[in-house]
């Protein structure tokens, strides 16, 4: 288990809306909460506000995520992520192919100080978090570091072939057949100091043939 994760909670949405995968283009602009789950307590706040999904991680060591109640397999997954406050030693990004019953998913995370983590979570990470590219966190010049910088995360997923991009620069590729389809979501966390504030916008899933 990644040593930076001491406490892990999840903001879980409803179970997948349909058993089959959605093959239609998807674009979430966060003009309303829709099916995205929200919460606000002493450790974390996650809500749709002013046209973005905003995560505030109040606890010093905490990772949390929210899901959309969708179901996708192959496609281009894309989201805009902006750190707007707090320490640069943090994590934020997207999750995809989420099984909301078991909390298994792929995660594509970056940090405000220029690092990337790409891997699998099983059981929400409380049981196993395994990198599938690199050894835990690795540095990338593709990341725009610090507050008020927007980074665009994109994944091309075709069966088990996964290619990851930050700001249109490839940061890794792998073949991994652990998860074939599932929900999409957002993830954020603190790594020793609370006050992490991140906003997300324009989550898109586009079929590969478009």
N, C-alpha and C. Protein backbone atom coordinates (compact mmCIF):
# COMPACT_ATOMS: atom_id res chain seq x y z
N UNK A 1 0.84 -1.20 0.00
CA UNK A 1 0.00 0.00 0.00
C UNK A 1 0.88 1.25 0.00
N UNK A 2 0.48 2.19 -0.79
CA UNK A 2 1.24 3.43 -0.90
C UNK A 2 1.33 4.12 0.45
N UNK A 3 2.53 4.44 0.91
CA UNK A 3 2.72 4.95 2.26
C UNK A 3 2.05 6.30 2.46
N UNK A 4 1.78 7.04 1.37
CA UNK A 4 1.14 8.34 1.52
C UNK A 4 -0.33 8.21 1.91
N UNK A 5 -0.93 7.03 1.69
CA UNK A 5 -2.33 6.84 2.01
C UNK A 5 -2.46 6.18 3.38
N UNK A 6 -2.96 6.96 4.33
CA UNK A 6 -3.18 6.44 5.68
C UNK A 6 -4.66 6.21 5.93
N UNK A 7 -5.50 7.09 5.41
CA UNK A 7 -6.94 6.98 5.57
C UNK A 7 -7.58 7.18 4.21
N UNK A 8 -8.50 6.30 3.83
CA UNK A 8 -9.13 6.37 2.53
C UNK A 8 -10.62 6.25 2.68
N UNK A 9 -11.39 7.26 2.17
CA UNK A 9 -12.83 7.18 2.20
C UNK A 9 -13.35 7.38 0.80
N UNK A 10 -14.58 7.05 0.54
CA UNK A 10 -15.16 7.22 -0.78
C UNK A 10 -16.49 7.92 -0.71
N UNK A 11 -16.73 8.80 -1.68
CA UNK A 11 -18.05 9.39 -1.87
C UNK A 11 -18.69 8.60 -3.00
N UNK A 12 -19.55 7.64 -2.65
CA UNK A 12 -20.03 6.70 -3.65
C UNK A 12 -21.36 7.14 -4.22
N UNK A 13 -21.49 7.09 -5.53
CA UNK A 13 -22.76 7.38 -6.18
C UNK A 13 -23.62 6.13 -6.19
N UNK A 14 -24.77 6.24 -6.84
CA UNK A 14 -25.65 5.09 -7.00
C UNK A 14 -24.96 4.04 -7.84
N UNK A 15 -25.48 2.81 -7.80
CA UNK A 15 -24.93 1.77 -8.64
C UNK A 15 -25.08 2.16 -10.10
N UNK A 16 -24.35 1.50 -10.97
CA UNK A 16 -24.36 1.85 -12.38
C UNK A 16 -25.78 1.89 -12.92
N UNK A 17 -26.03 2.89 -13.75
CA UNK A 17 -27.39 3.09 -14.25
C UNK A 17 -27.84 1.97 -15.18
N UNK A 18 -26.90 1.31 -15.83
CA UNK A 18 -27.27 0.24 -16.74
C UNK A 18 -26.22 -0.84 -16.70
N UNK A 19 -26.64 -2.07 -17.06
CA UNK A 19 -25.70 -3.18 -17.04
C UNK A 19 -24.72 -3.10 -18.21
N UNK A 20 -25.17 -2.62 -19.36
CA UNK A 20 -24.30 -2.51 -20.51
C UNK A 20 -23.50 -1.23 -20.48
N UNK A 21 -22.45 -1.19 -21.32
CA UNK A 21 -21.62 0.00 -21.39
C UNK A 21 -22.28 1.05 -22.26
N UNK A 22 -22.09 2.30 -21.89
CA UNK A 22 -22.62 3.41 -22.66
C UNK A 22 -21.68 3.70 -23.82
N UNK A 23 -22.22 3.70 -25.06
CA UNK A 23 -21.39 3.96 -26.24
C UNK A 23 -21.62 5.36 -26.79
N UNK A 24 -22.42 6.17 -26.12
CA UNK A 24 -22.70 7.52 -26.56
C UNK A 24 -21.67 8.49 -25.98
N UNK A 25 -21.36 9.59 -26.69
CA UNK A 25 -20.47 10.61 -26.12
C UNK A 25 -21.06 11.18 -24.83
N UNK A 26 -20.18 11.50 -23.89
CA UNK A 26 -20.59 12.03 -22.59
C UNK A 26 -19.79 13.29 -22.32
N UNK A 27 -20.47 14.33 -21.83
CA UNK A 27 -19.79 15.58 -21.50
C UNK A 27 -20.45 16.17 -20.26
N UNK A 28 -19.73 16.20 -19.16
CA UNK A 28 -20.24 16.76 -17.90
C UNK A 28 -19.61 18.14 -17.68
N UNK A 29 -20.46 19.18 -17.65
CA UNK A 29 -19.98 20.55 -17.44
C UNK A 29 -20.22 21.03 -16.01
N UNK A 30 -20.82 20.20 -15.18
CA UNK A 30 -21.07 20.50 -13.77
C UNK A 30 -21.90 21.77 -13.58
N UNK A 31 -22.87 21.95 -14.46
CA UNK A 31 -23.82 23.03 -14.26
C UNK A 31 -24.82 22.67 -13.15
N UNK A 32 -24.94 21.38 -12.87
CA UNK A 32 -25.77 20.91 -11.75
C UNK A 32 -25.12 19.64 -11.21
N UNK A 33 -25.56 19.22 -10.03
CA UNK A 33 -24.96 18.04 -9.40
C UNK A 33 -25.25 16.78 -10.17
N UNK A 34 -26.44 16.70 -10.78
CA UNK A 34 -26.79 15.50 -11.51
C UNK A 34 -26.68 14.27 -10.62
N UNK A 35 -26.03 13.24 -11.14
CA UNK A 35 -25.88 12.00 -10.37
C UNK A 35 -24.57 11.95 -9.58
N UNK A 36 -23.77 13.02 -9.67
CA UNK A 36 -22.50 13.03 -8.93
C UNK A 36 -22.78 13.14 -7.42
N UNK A 37 -22.10 12.32 -6.65
CA UNK A 37 -22.30 12.35 -5.20
C UNK A 37 -21.56 13.51 -4.57
N UNK A 38 -22.11 14.04 -3.49
CA UNK A 38 -21.54 15.18 -2.77
C UNK A 38 -21.54 14.88 -1.28
N UNK A 39 -20.72 15.62 -0.54
CA UNK A 39 -20.63 15.43 0.91
C UNK A 39 -19.92 16.63 1.52
N UNK A 40 -20.11 16.82 2.81
CA UNK A 40 -19.43 17.88 3.54
C UNK A 40 -19.39 17.51 5.00
N UNK A 41 -18.20 17.23 5.53
CA UNK A 41 -18.05 16.91 6.94
C UNK A 41 -16.73 17.50 7.43
N UNK A 42 -16.26 17.04 8.56
CA UNK A 42 -15.06 17.62 9.16
C UNK A 42 -13.79 17.27 8.41
N UNK A 43 -13.84 16.27 7.52
CA UNK A 43 -12.64 15.83 6.83
C UNK A 43 -12.58 16.22 5.36
N UNK A 44 -13.75 16.32 4.71
CA UNK A 44 -13.75 16.58 3.27
C UNK A 44 -15.06 17.26 2.87
N UNK A 45 -14.93 18.10 1.85
CA UNK A 45 -16.11 18.67 1.20
C UNK A 45 -16.00 18.41 -0.29
N UNK A 46 -17.07 17.87 -0.85
CA UNK A 46 -17.14 17.66 -2.28
C UNK A 46 -18.49 18.12 -2.78
N UNK A 47 -18.51 19.09 -3.69
CA UNK A 47 -19.78 19.63 -4.16
C UNK A 47 -19.63 20.28 -5.53
N UNK A 48 -20.75 20.37 -6.24
CA UNK A 48 -20.82 21.11 -7.49
C UNK A 48 -21.16 22.55 -7.16
N UNK A 49 -20.29 23.47 -7.60
CA UNK A 49 -20.46 24.88 -7.26
C UNK A 49 -19.90 25.73 -8.39
N UNK A 50 -20.67 26.70 -8.85
CA UNK A 50 -20.21 27.65 -9.88
C UNK A 50 -19.66 26.97 -11.12
N UNK A 51 -20.32 25.90 -11.55
CA UNK A 51 -19.96 25.25 -12.79
C UNK A 51 -18.75 24.34 -12.74
N UNK A 52 -18.31 23.95 -11.53
CA UNK A 52 -17.20 23.00 -11.38
C UNK A 52 -17.54 22.04 -10.26
N UNK A 53 -16.86 20.90 -10.24
CA UNK A 53 -16.90 20.04 -9.05
C UNK A 53 -15.69 20.39 -8.20
N UNK A 54 -15.93 20.77 -6.95
CA UNK A 54 -14.86 21.23 -6.07
C UNK A 54 -14.66 20.28 -4.91
N UNK A 55 -13.42 19.85 -4.74
CA UNK A 55 -13.01 19.04 -3.59
C UNK A 55 -12.17 19.89 -2.65
N UNK A 56 -12.53 19.91 -1.38
CA UNK A 56 -11.70 20.48 -0.33
C UNK A 56 -11.34 19.36 0.64
N UNK A 57 -10.06 19.04 0.73
CA UNK A 57 -9.60 17.99 1.64
C UNK A 57 -9.11 18.67 2.92
N UNK A 58 -9.90 18.52 3.97
CA UNK A 58 -9.60 19.22 5.23
C UNK A 58 -8.63 18.42 6.10
N UNK A 59 -8.74 17.10 6.08
CA UNK A 59 -7.87 16.25 6.89
C UNK A 59 -6.45 16.25 6.33
N UNK A 60 -5.49 15.96 7.20
CA UNK A 60 -4.09 16.00 6.79
C UNK A 60 -3.69 14.86 5.86
N UNK A 61 -4.28 13.70 6.04
CA UNK A 61 -3.93 12.54 5.22
C UNK A 61 -5.21 11.81 4.85
N UNK A 62 -5.69 12.09 3.67
CA UNK A 62 -6.99 11.55 3.26
C UNK A 62 -7.10 11.54 1.75
N UNK A 63 -7.66 10.49 1.20
CA UNK A 63 -7.96 10.42 -0.23
C UNK A 63 -9.44 10.09 -0.37
N UNK A 64 -10.10 10.79 -1.28
CA UNK A 64 -11.53 10.57 -1.48
C UNK A 64 -11.86 10.67 -2.96
N UNK A 65 -12.98 10.09 -3.35
CA UNK A 65 -13.39 10.15 -4.75
C UNK A 65 -14.91 10.23 -4.82
N UNK A 66 -15.39 10.65 -5.99
CA UNK A 66 -16.81 10.69 -6.27
C UNK A 66 -17.04 10.10 -7.65
N UNK A 67 -18.18 9.45 -7.85
CA UNK A 67 -18.47 8.84 -9.14
C UNK A 67 -19.76 9.39 -9.73
N UNK A 68 -19.94 9.14 -11.03
CA UNK A 68 -21.00 9.80 -11.79
C UNK A 68 -22.24 8.95 -12.01
N UNK A 69 -22.18 7.65 -11.72
CA UNK A 69 -23.31 6.79 -12.00
C UNK A 69 -23.43 6.45 -13.48
N UNK A 70 -22.30 6.30 -14.16
CA UNK A 70 -22.26 5.98 -15.58
C UNK A 70 -21.57 4.62 -15.78
N UNK A 71 -21.49 4.19 -17.03
CA UNK A 71 -20.84 2.92 -17.33
C UNK A 71 -20.22 2.98 -18.72
N UNK A 72 -18.89 2.88 -18.78
CA UNK A 72 -18.16 2.97 -20.04
C UNK A 72 -17.09 1.88 -20.08
N UNK A 73 -16.66 1.56 -21.30
CA UNK A 73 -15.54 0.63 -21.47
C UNK A 73 -14.46 1.30 -22.30
N UNK A 74 -14.49 1.13 -23.63
CA UNK A 74 -13.49 1.76 -24.48
C UNK A 74 -13.84 3.23 -24.74
N UNK A 75 -12.82 4.04 -24.99
CA UNK A 75 -13.07 5.44 -25.32
C UNK A 75 -11.92 6.34 -24.89
N UNK A 76 -12.08 7.62 -25.22
CA UNK A 76 -11.20 8.67 -24.71
C UNK A 76 -11.83 9.25 -23.45
N UNK A 77 -11.11 9.21 -22.34
CA UNK A 77 -11.56 9.80 -21.08
C UNK A 77 -10.75 11.08 -20.86
N UNK A 78 -11.43 12.16 -20.50
CA UNK A 78 -10.73 13.44 -20.41
C UNK A 78 -11.38 14.31 -19.32
N UNK A 79 -10.55 15.03 -18.55
CA UNK A 79 -11.05 15.96 -17.54
C UNK A 79 -10.04 17.09 -17.34
N UNK A 80 -10.56 18.27 -17.02
CA UNK A 80 -9.72 19.41 -16.66
C UNK A 80 -9.67 19.51 -15.14
N UNK A 81 -8.46 19.65 -14.58
CA UNK A 81 -8.27 19.70 -13.14
C UNK A 81 -7.41 20.91 -12.77
N UNK A 82 -7.89 21.69 -11.79
CA UNK A 82 -7.19 22.91 -11.37
C UNK A 82 -7.02 22.93 -9.87
N UNK A 83 -5.78 22.97 -9.41
CA UNK A 83 -5.52 23.19 -7.99
C UNK A 83 -5.70 24.68 -7.71
N UNK A 84 -6.59 25.01 -6.78
CA UNK A 84 -6.85 26.43 -6.49
C UNK A 84 -6.41 26.83 -5.09
N UNK A 85 -5.89 25.91 -4.31
CA UNK A 85 -5.42 26.27 -2.98
C UNK A 85 -4.79 25.09 -2.28
N UNK A 86 -4.07 25.39 -1.21
CA UNK A 86 -3.47 24.36 -0.39
C UNK A 86 -2.08 23.97 -0.82
N UNK A 87 -1.50 22.97 -0.15
CA UNK A 87 -0.12 22.55 -0.44
C UNK A 87 -0.01 21.89 -1.80
N UNK A 88 1.16 22.04 -2.43
CA UNK A 88 1.39 21.40 -3.72
C UNK A 88 1.62 19.90 -3.59
N UNK A 89 1.98 19.43 -2.41
CA UNK A 89 2.16 18.00 -2.16
C UNK A 89 0.78 17.40 -1.92
N UNK A 90 0.14 17.00 -3.01
CA UNK A 90 -1.25 16.56 -2.96
C UNK A 90 -1.47 15.52 -4.04
N UNK A 91 -2.71 15.16 -4.31
CA UNK A 91 -3.05 14.32 -5.44
C UNK A 91 -4.43 14.68 -5.93
N UNK A 92 -4.60 14.63 -7.26
CA UNK A 92 -5.92 14.85 -7.85
C UNK A 92 -5.92 14.31 -9.27
N UNK A 93 -7.11 13.89 -9.72
CA UNK A 93 -7.20 13.34 -11.06
C UNK A 93 -8.51 12.63 -11.30
N UNK A 94 -8.47 11.61 -12.16
CA UNK A 94 -9.67 10.88 -12.54
C UNK A 94 -9.57 9.41 -12.16
N UNK A 95 -10.72 8.78 -12.00
CA UNK A 95 -10.82 7.33 -11.89
C UNK A 95 -11.75 6.86 -13.00
N UNK A 96 -11.54 5.63 -13.46
CA UNK A 96 -12.38 5.09 -14.52
C UNK A 96 -12.45 3.58 -14.41
N UNK A 97 -13.46 3.02 -15.10
CA UNK A 97 -13.78 1.60 -14.99
C UNK A 97 -13.97 1.21 -13.52
N UNK A 98 -14.78 2.01 -12.85
CA UNK A 98 -15.03 1.83 -11.42
C UNK A 98 -16.13 0.79 -11.21
N UNK A 99 -15.87 -0.19 -10.36
CA UNK A 99 -16.90 -1.11 -9.88
C UNK A 99 -17.39 -0.57 -8.54
N UNK A 100 -18.59 0.00 -8.52
CA UNK A 100 -19.08 0.64 -7.30
C UNK A 100 -19.49 -0.34 -6.21
N UNK A 101 -19.56 -1.61 -6.55
CA UNK A 101 -19.87 -2.61 -5.53
C UNK A 101 -18.63 -3.05 -4.77
N UNK A 102 -17.49 -3.13 -5.49
CA UNK A 102 -16.25 -3.60 -4.86
C UNK A 102 -15.23 -2.50 -4.63
N UNK A 103 -15.48 -1.29 -5.18
CA UNK A 103 -14.53 -0.17 -5.11
C UNK A 103 -13.20 -0.51 -5.79
N UNK A 104 -13.27 -1.22 -6.89
CA UNK A 104 -12.10 -1.47 -7.74
C UNK A 104 -12.11 -0.47 -8.88
N UNK A 105 -10.94 0.08 -9.26
CA UNK A 105 -10.90 1.02 -10.37
C UNK A 105 -9.46 1.33 -10.77
N UNK A 106 -9.34 1.93 -11.96
CA UNK A 106 -8.08 2.53 -12.38
C UNK A 106 -8.06 3.99 -11.91
N UNK A 107 -6.87 4.48 -11.54
CA UNK A 107 -6.71 5.87 -11.12
C UNK A 107 -5.55 6.51 -11.89
N UNK A 108 -5.80 7.74 -12.33
CA UNK A 108 -4.80 8.55 -13.02
C UNK A 108 -4.68 9.85 -12.23
N UNK A 109 -3.60 9.97 -11.45
CA UNK A 109 -3.45 11.07 -10.50
C UNK A 109 -2.19 11.88 -10.80
N UNK A 110 -2.28 13.18 -10.56
CA UNK A 110 -1.11 14.03 -10.60
C UNK A 110 -1.02 14.79 -9.28
N UNK A 111 0.09 15.47 -9.08
CA UNK A 111 0.26 16.31 -7.88
C UNK A 111 0.64 17.72 -8.30
N UNK A 112 0.40 18.66 -7.40
CA UNK A 112 0.71 20.06 -7.68
C UNK A 112 2.18 20.35 -7.79
N UNK A 113 3.02 19.41 -7.32
CA UNK A 113 4.47 19.61 -7.44
C UNK A 113 5.08 18.78 -8.56
N UNK A 114 4.23 18.28 -9.49
CA UNK A 114 4.76 17.75 -10.73
C UNK A 114 4.98 16.26 -10.81
N UNK A 115 4.19 15.47 -10.09
CA UNK A 115 4.36 14.02 -10.11
C UNK A 115 3.09 13.33 -10.61
N UNK A 116 3.25 12.09 -11.08
CA UNK A 116 2.16 11.29 -11.64
C UNK A 116 2.10 9.95 -10.91
N UNK A 117 0.86 9.48 -10.67
CA UNK A 117 0.66 8.10 -10.18
C UNK A 117 -0.45 7.49 -11.01
N UNK A 118 -0.16 6.33 -11.62
CA UNK A 118 -1.12 5.62 -12.45
C UNK A 118 -1.19 4.18 -11.95
N UNK A 119 -2.38 3.74 -11.60
CA UNK A 119 -2.46 2.38 -11.09
C UNK A 119 -3.87 1.89 -10.86
N UNK A 120 -3.94 0.74 -10.18
CA UNK A 120 -5.21 0.09 -9.83
C UNK A 120 -5.47 0.22 -8.34
N UNK A 121 -6.71 0.48 -8.00
CA UNK A 121 -7.17 0.38 -6.61
C UNK A 121 -8.08 -0.82 -6.51
N UNK A 122 -7.93 -1.59 -5.47
CA UNK A 122 -8.87 -2.69 -5.19
C UNK A 122 -9.39 -2.52 -3.78
N UNK A 123 -10.70 -2.65 -3.65
CA UNK A 123 -11.32 -2.41 -2.35
C UNK A 123 -11.17 -0.97 -1.92
N UNK A 124 -11.15 -0.04 -2.88
CA UNK A 124 -10.99 1.38 -2.57
C UNK A 124 -9.58 1.75 -2.17
N UNK A 125 -8.64 0.82 -2.29
CA UNK A 125 -7.26 1.11 -1.93
C UNK A 125 -6.91 0.70 -0.51
N UNK A 126 -7.95 0.41 0.31
CA UNK A 126 -7.67 0.01 1.68
C UNK A 126 -7.03 -1.37 1.72
N UNK A 127 -7.24 -2.17 0.68
CA UNK A 127 -6.64 -3.49 0.60
C UNK A 127 -5.42 -3.50 -0.32
N UNK A 128 -5.51 -2.79 -1.44
CA UNK A 128 -4.41 -2.84 -2.40
C UNK A 128 -4.45 -1.64 -3.33
N UNK A 129 -3.34 -0.95 -3.48
CA UNK A 129 -3.17 0.10 -4.47
C UNK A 129 -1.86 -0.19 -5.19
N UNK A 130 -1.95 -0.51 -6.48
CA UNK A 130 -0.80 -1.01 -7.22
C UNK A 130 -0.53 -0.15 -8.44
N UNK A 131 0.67 0.42 -8.56
CA UNK A 131 0.99 1.17 -9.78
C UNK A 131 1.09 0.22 -10.97
N UNK A 132 0.64 0.67 -12.12
CA UNK A 132 0.78 -0.12 -13.34
C UNK A 132 1.76 0.54 -14.31
N UNK A 133 2.20 1.75 -14.00
CA UNK A 133 3.25 2.43 -14.75
C UNK A 133 4.22 3.05 -13.75
N UNK A 134 5.49 2.74 -13.86
CA UNK A 134 6.49 3.30 -12.95
C UNK A 134 6.40 2.68 -11.57
N UNK A 135 7.20 3.22 -10.67
CA UNK A 135 7.22 2.78 -9.28
C UNK A 135 6.62 3.88 -8.42
N UNK A 136 5.35 3.72 -8.08
CA UNK A 136 4.62 4.72 -7.32
C UNK A 136 4.59 6.04 -8.07
N UNK A 137 4.99 7.12 -7.46
CA UNK A 137 4.96 8.44 -8.11
C UNK A 137 6.21 8.61 -8.97
N UNK A 138 6.03 9.23 -10.14
CA UNK A 138 7.19 9.59 -10.97
C UNK A 138 7.00 11.02 -11.48
N UNK A 139 8.10 11.72 -11.69
CA UNK A 139 8.07 13.13 -12.07
C UNK A 139 7.75 13.28 -13.55
N UNK A 140 7.00 14.35 -13.89
CA UNK A 140 6.68 14.62 -15.29
C UNK A 140 6.70 16.12 -15.55
N UNK A 141 7.44 16.52 -16.59
CA UNK A 141 7.50 17.93 -16.97
C UNK A 141 6.22 18.38 -17.66
N UNK A 142 5.33 17.44 -18.00
CA UNK A 142 4.08 17.80 -18.67
C UNK A 142 3.11 18.53 -17.75
N UNK A 143 3.29 18.39 -16.44
CA UNK A 143 2.36 18.96 -15.47
C UNK A 143 2.64 20.44 -15.25
N UNK A 144 1.59 21.25 -15.29
CA UNK A 144 1.68 22.66 -14.89
C UNK A 144 1.54 22.72 -13.38
N UNK A 145 2.60 23.12 -12.71
CA UNK A 145 2.67 23.01 -11.26
C UNK A 145 2.08 24.22 -10.54
N UNK A 146 1.59 23.97 -9.32
CA UNK A 146 1.16 25.04 -8.44
C UNK A 146 -0.31 25.41 -8.59
N UNK A 147 -0.71 26.40 -7.80
CA UNK A 147 -2.10 26.84 -7.76
C UNK A 147 -2.49 27.61 -9.01
N UNK A 148 -3.78 27.53 -9.32
CA UNK A 148 -4.41 28.25 -10.44
C UNK A 148 -3.88 27.80 -11.79
N UNK A 149 -3.35 26.60 -11.84
CA UNK A 149 -2.89 26.03 -13.11
C UNK A 149 -3.82 24.87 -13.47
N UNK A 150 -4.36 24.91 -14.68
CA UNK A 150 -5.25 23.86 -15.14
C UNK A 150 -4.48 22.83 -15.95
N UNK A 151 -4.64 21.57 -15.58
CA UNK A 151 -4.04 20.46 -16.29
C UNK A 151 -5.15 19.60 -16.90
N UNK A 152 -4.95 19.18 -18.13
CA UNK A 152 -5.92 18.33 -18.81
C UNK A 152 -5.40 16.90 -18.83
N UNK A 153 -6.13 16.02 -18.18
CA UNK A 153 -5.78 14.61 -18.11
C UNK A 153 -6.63 13.85 -19.12
N UNK A 154 -5.98 12.97 -19.88
CA UNK A 154 -6.68 12.21 -20.91
C UNK A 154 -6.16 10.78 -20.94
N UNK A 155 -7.08 9.85 -21.15
CA UNK A 155 -6.73 8.43 -21.27
C UNK A 155 -7.38 7.87 -22.53
N UNK A 156 -6.59 7.15 -23.31
CA UNK A 156 -7.16 6.37 -24.41
C UNK A 156 -7.24 4.93 -23.94
N UNK A 157 -8.46 4.41 -23.86
CA UNK A 157 -8.68 3.06 -23.35
C UNK A 157 -9.31 2.21 -24.44
N UNK A 158 -8.61 1.18 -24.88
CA UNK A 158 -9.13 0.23 -25.85
C UNK A 158 -8.84 -1.16 -25.33
N UNK A 159 -9.90 -1.82 -24.82
CA UNK A 159 -9.72 -3.08 -24.11
C UNK A 159 -8.69 -2.87 -22.99
N UNK A 160 -7.62 -3.67 -22.96
CA UNK A 160 -6.62 -3.51 -21.92
C UNK A 160 -5.50 -2.55 -22.27
N UNK A 161 -5.55 -1.94 -23.45
CA UNK A 161 -4.49 -1.02 -23.88
C UNK A 161 -4.82 0.39 -23.43
N UNK A 162 -4.03 0.93 -22.53
CA UNK A 162 -4.29 2.22 -21.89
C UNK A 162 -3.11 3.16 -22.15
N UNK A 163 -3.42 4.36 -22.66
CA UNK A 163 -2.40 5.39 -22.90
C UNK A 163 -2.81 6.64 -22.14
N UNK A 164 -1.90 7.24 -21.40
CA UNK A 164 -2.19 8.34 -20.49
C UNK A 164 -1.47 9.61 -20.95
N UNK A 165 -2.20 10.73 -20.91
CA UNK A 165 -1.67 12.02 -21.36
C UNK A 165 -1.94 13.09 -20.31
N UNK A 166 -0.99 14.00 -20.15
CA UNK A 166 -1.19 15.23 -19.40
C UNK A 166 -0.91 16.39 -20.35
N UNK A 167 -1.91 17.24 -20.56
CA UNK A 167 -1.76 18.37 -21.47
C UNK A 167 -1.25 17.93 -22.84
N UNK A 168 -1.85 16.84 -23.33
CA UNK A 168 -1.56 16.27 -24.66
C UNK A 168 -0.16 15.68 -24.79
N UNK A 169 0.56 15.53 -23.70
CA UNK A 169 1.86 14.87 -23.71
C UNK A 169 1.73 13.49 -23.06
N UNK A 170 2.14 12.47 -23.77
CA UNK A 170 2.04 11.11 -23.23
C UNK A 170 2.95 10.96 -22.01
N UNK A 171 2.39 10.40 -20.94
CA UNK A 171 3.17 10.16 -19.72
C UNK A 171 3.28 8.68 -19.40
N UNK A 172 2.65 7.83 -20.21
CA UNK A 172 2.78 6.41 -19.98
C UNK A 172 1.76 5.61 -20.76
N UNK A 173 2.10 4.34 -21.02
CA UNK A 173 1.16 3.42 -21.65
C UNK A 173 1.40 2.02 -21.11
N UNK A 174 0.34 1.22 -21.10
CA UNK A 174 0.43 -0.10 -20.51
C UNK A 174 -0.69 -0.97 -21.06
N UNK A 175 -0.49 -2.27 -21.04
CA UNK A 175 -1.57 -3.22 -21.29
C UNK A 175 -1.93 -3.89 -19.98
N UNK A 176 -3.17 -3.68 -19.54
CA UNK A 176 -3.64 -4.22 -18.27
C UNK A 176 -5.11 -4.58 -18.44
N UNK A 177 -5.45 -5.83 -18.18
CA UNK A 177 -6.81 -6.31 -18.41
C UNK A 177 -7.59 -6.54 -17.12
N UNK A 178 -7.21 -5.84 -16.05
CA UNK A 178 -7.87 -6.06 -14.76
C UNK A 178 -9.34 -5.64 -14.76
N UNK A 179 -9.65 -4.49 -15.37
CA UNK A 179 -11.00 -3.95 -15.35
C UNK A 179 -11.42 -3.61 -16.77
N UNK A 180 -12.58 -4.13 -17.20
CA UNK A 180 -13.00 -3.96 -18.59
C UNK A 180 -13.95 -2.79 -18.78
N UNK A 181 -14.74 -2.45 -17.78
CA UNK A 181 -15.72 -1.37 -17.90
C UNK A 181 -16.14 -0.91 -16.51
N UNK A 182 -16.84 0.22 -16.47
CA UNK A 182 -17.35 0.70 -15.18
C UNK A 182 -17.61 2.19 -15.18
N UNK A 183 -17.80 2.71 -13.99
CA UNK A 183 -18.13 4.11 -13.77
C UNK A 183 -16.91 5.00 -13.97
N UNK A 184 -17.15 6.30 -14.00
CA UNK A 184 -16.09 7.30 -14.04
C UNK A 184 -16.17 8.15 -12.79
N UNK A 185 -15.07 8.83 -12.45
CA UNK A 185 -15.11 9.67 -11.26
C UNK A 185 -13.91 10.58 -11.12
N UNK A 186 -13.92 11.34 -10.04
CA UNK A 186 -12.87 12.30 -9.69
C UNK A 186 -12.26 11.88 -8.37
N UNK A 187 -10.97 12.14 -8.21
CA UNK A 187 -10.27 11.75 -6.99
C UNK A 187 -9.37 12.90 -6.54
N UNK A 188 -9.25 13.08 -5.23
CA UNK A 188 -8.37 14.11 -4.67
C UNK A 188 -7.92 13.66 -3.29
N UNK A 189 -6.77 14.19 -2.85
CA UNK A 189 -6.29 13.79 -1.55
C UNK A 189 -5.19 14.69 -1.01
N UNK A 190 -5.02 14.61 0.29
CA UNK A 190 -3.93 15.30 0.98
C UNK A 190 -2.89 14.28 1.39
N UNK A 191 -1.63 14.72 1.44
CA UNK A 191 -0.51 13.81 1.71
C UNK A 191 0.32 14.32 2.88
N UNK A 192 -0.35 14.64 3.99
CA UNK A 192 0.35 15.08 5.18
C UNK A 192 -0.06 16.44 5.68
N UNK A 193 -0.72 17.23 4.82
CA UNK A 193 -1.18 18.56 5.20
C UNK A 193 -2.51 18.84 4.53
N UNK A 194 -3.50 19.20 5.34
CA UNK A 194 -4.83 19.49 4.81
C UNK A 194 -4.90 20.83 4.11
N UNK A 195 -6.10 21.15 3.65
CA UNK A 195 -6.32 22.41 2.95
C UNK A 195 -6.22 22.31 1.45
N UNK A 196 -6.12 21.09 0.91
CA UNK A 196 -6.06 20.90 -0.54
C UNK A 196 -7.41 21.32 -1.14
N UNK A 197 -7.37 22.16 -2.16
CA UNK A 197 -8.58 22.64 -2.82
C UNK A 197 -8.38 22.48 -4.33
N UNK A 198 -9.24 21.66 -4.94
CA UNK A 198 -9.11 21.32 -6.36
C UNK A 198 -10.47 21.44 -7.02
N UNK A 199 -10.50 21.94 -8.25
CA UNK A 199 -11.72 22.04 -9.03
C UNK A 199 -11.58 21.25 -10.32
N UNK A 200 -12.69 20.63 -10.74
CA UNK A 200 -12.72 19.82 -11.95
C UNK A 200 -13.82 20.33 -12.88
N UNK A 201 -13.57 20.22 -14.19
CA UNK A 201 -14.57 20.64 -15.16
C UNK A 201 -14.40 19.83 -16.44
N UNK A 202 -15.48 19.81 -17.23
CA UNK A 202 -15.47 19.22 -18.57
C UNK A 202 -14.94 17.79 -18.59
N UNK A 203 -15.64 16.92 -17.88
CA UNK A 203 -15.32 15.49 -17.95
C UNK A 203 -16.00 14.93 -19.20
N UNK A 204 -15.18 14.40 -20.10
CA UNK A 204 -15.70 13.89 -21.37
C UNK A 204 -15.30 12.42 -21.55
N UNK A 205 -16.20 11.67 -22.14
CA UNK A 205 -15.89 10.34 -22.62
C UNK A 205 -16.36 10.28 -24.07
N UNK A 206 -15.43 9.99 -24.98
CA UNK A 206 -15.71 10.00 -26.41
C UNK A 206 -15.41 8.64 -27.00
N UNK A 207 -16.32 8.06 -27.78
CA UNK A 207 -16.02 6.78 -28.43
C UNK A 207 -14.78 6.87 -29.29
N UNK A 208 -14.09 5.76 -29.44
CA UNK A 208 -12.83 5.75 -30.19
C UNK A 208 -13.02 6.01 -31.67
N UNK A 209 -14.20 5.74 -32.22
CA UNK A 209 -14.40 5.91 -33.64
C UNK A 209 -14.82 7.32 -34.01
N UNK A 210 -14.76 8.27 -33.04
CA UNK A 210 -15.12 9.65 -33.36
C UNK A 210 -13.89 10.53 -33.38
